[in-house]
Amino acid sequence: MSAHCMLTGAQPGFGNRISHSHRRTSRRFDPNIQSRRYWLPSERRQVRLRLSARGVKTVDAIGVEAAVARIRARGIRV
């Protein structure tokens, strides 16, 4: 589960790498996963979240409390 976003659920996509001669081999499109630490005031502790770049922007918009609530609603332990 290394390339999964805890908040948005973004995960790798799969496709083909196409060479100049047009031979196809499989490849993987990984999301831009960042590890971020946030202060969670309600629990008075730091939480480490593995988020995609879009997930980081979502936390900035809705706040860390709401983001952690969404992550826990998905069944992920924080």
Protein backbone atom coordinates (compact mmCIF):
# COMPACT_ATOMS: atom_id res chain seq x y z
CA MET A 1 0.00 0.00 0.00
CA SER A 2 2.92 2.33 -0.50
CA ALA A 3 1.47 4.34 -3.40
CA HIS A 4 -1.98 5.04 -1.94
CA CYS A 5 -3.34 8.34 -0.66
CA MET A 6 -5.00 8.02 2.74
CA LEU A 7 -7.49 10.83 2.04
CA THR A 8 -8.44 10.68 -1.63
CA GLY A 9 -7.76 6.99 -2.24
CA ALA A 10 -5.55 7.75 -5.24
CA GLN A 11 -3.68 4.65 -6.31
CA PRO A 12 -1.43 3.62 -9.20
CA GLY A 13 -2.84 3.47 -12.70
CA PHE A 14 -1.52 1.06 -15.28
CA GLY A 15 -0.83 1.44 -18.96
CA ASN A 16 1.73 0.79 -21.65
CA ARG A 17 5.14 2.23 -22.33
CA ILE A 18 5.38 2.59 -26.11
CA SER A 19 8.80 2.57 -27.72
CA HIS A 20 9.84 4.25 -30.94
CA SER A 21 9.21 0.99 -32.80
CA HIS A 22 5.74 0.93 -31.17
CA ARG A 23 6.37 -2.14 -29.01
CA ARG A 24 4.27 -2.04 -25.87
CA THR A 25 5.48 -2.98 -22.40
CA SER A 26 3.55 -2.47 -19.21
CA ARG A 27 4.19 0.50 -16.93
CA ARG A 28 2.74 2.05 -13.81
CA PHE A 29 1.58 5.64 -13.22
CA ASP A 30 2.16 6.35 -9.52
CA PRO A 31 0.37 9.23 -7.76
CA ASN A 32 2.51 12.00 -6.26
CA ILE A 33 2.55 10.70 -2.66
CA GLN A 34 3.96 12.97 0.06
CA SER A 35 4.41 12.19 3.74
CA ARG A 36 3.18 15.12 5.88
CA ARG A 37 2.99 15.70 9.61
CA TYR A 38 0.05 17.68 10.97
CA TRP A 39 -0.80 18.82 14.50
CA LEU A 40 -4.15 17.38 15.56
CA PRO A 41 -5.45 19.77 18.27
CA SER A 42 -8.30 17.55 19.48
CA GLU A 43 -5.87 14.72 20.36
CA ARG A 44 -2.96 17.02 21.22
CA ARG A 45 -0.53 15.04 19.04
CA GLN A 46 1.15 14.96 15.64
CA VAL A 47 -0.26 12.67 12.96
CA ARG A 48 1.73 11.51 9.95
CA LEU A 49 -0.36 11.23 6.79
CA ARG A 50 0.65 9.81 3.41
CA LEU A 51 -1.17 12.07 0.97
CA SER A 52 -1.19 12.75 -2.73
CA ALA A 53 -0.51 16.33 -3.84
CA ARG A 54 -4.25 16.79 -4.31
CA GLY A 55 -4.81 15.39 -0.80
CA VAL A 56 -2.43 18.00 0.67
CA LYS A 57 -4.45 20.74 -1.01
CA THR A 58 -7.67 19.21 0.33
CA VAL A 59 -6.31 19.26 3.89
CA ASP A 60 -5.36 22.93 3.41
CA ALA A 61 -8.92 23.69 2.27
CA ILE A 62 -11.01 21.70 4.78
CA GLY A 63 -8.64 21.52 7.75
CA VAL A 64 -6.83 18.65 9.40
CA GLU A 65 -9.69 17.71 11.78
CA ALA A 66 -12.16 17.17 8.91
CA ALA A 67 -9.52 15.38 6.86
CA VAL A 68 -8.71 12.93 9.67
CA ALA A 69 -12.45 12.33 10.14
CA ARG A 70 -12.76 11.45 6.43
CA ILE A 71 -9.74 9.15 6.61
CA ARG A 72 -11.18 7.33 9.63
CA ALA A 73 -14.56 7.04 7.85
CA ARG A 74 -12.73 5.14 5.09
CA GLY A 75 -11.58 2.68 7.75
CA ILE A 76 -7.92 3.73 7.85
CA ARG A 77 -6.20 3.94 11.24
CA VAL A 78 -4.48 7.27 11.94
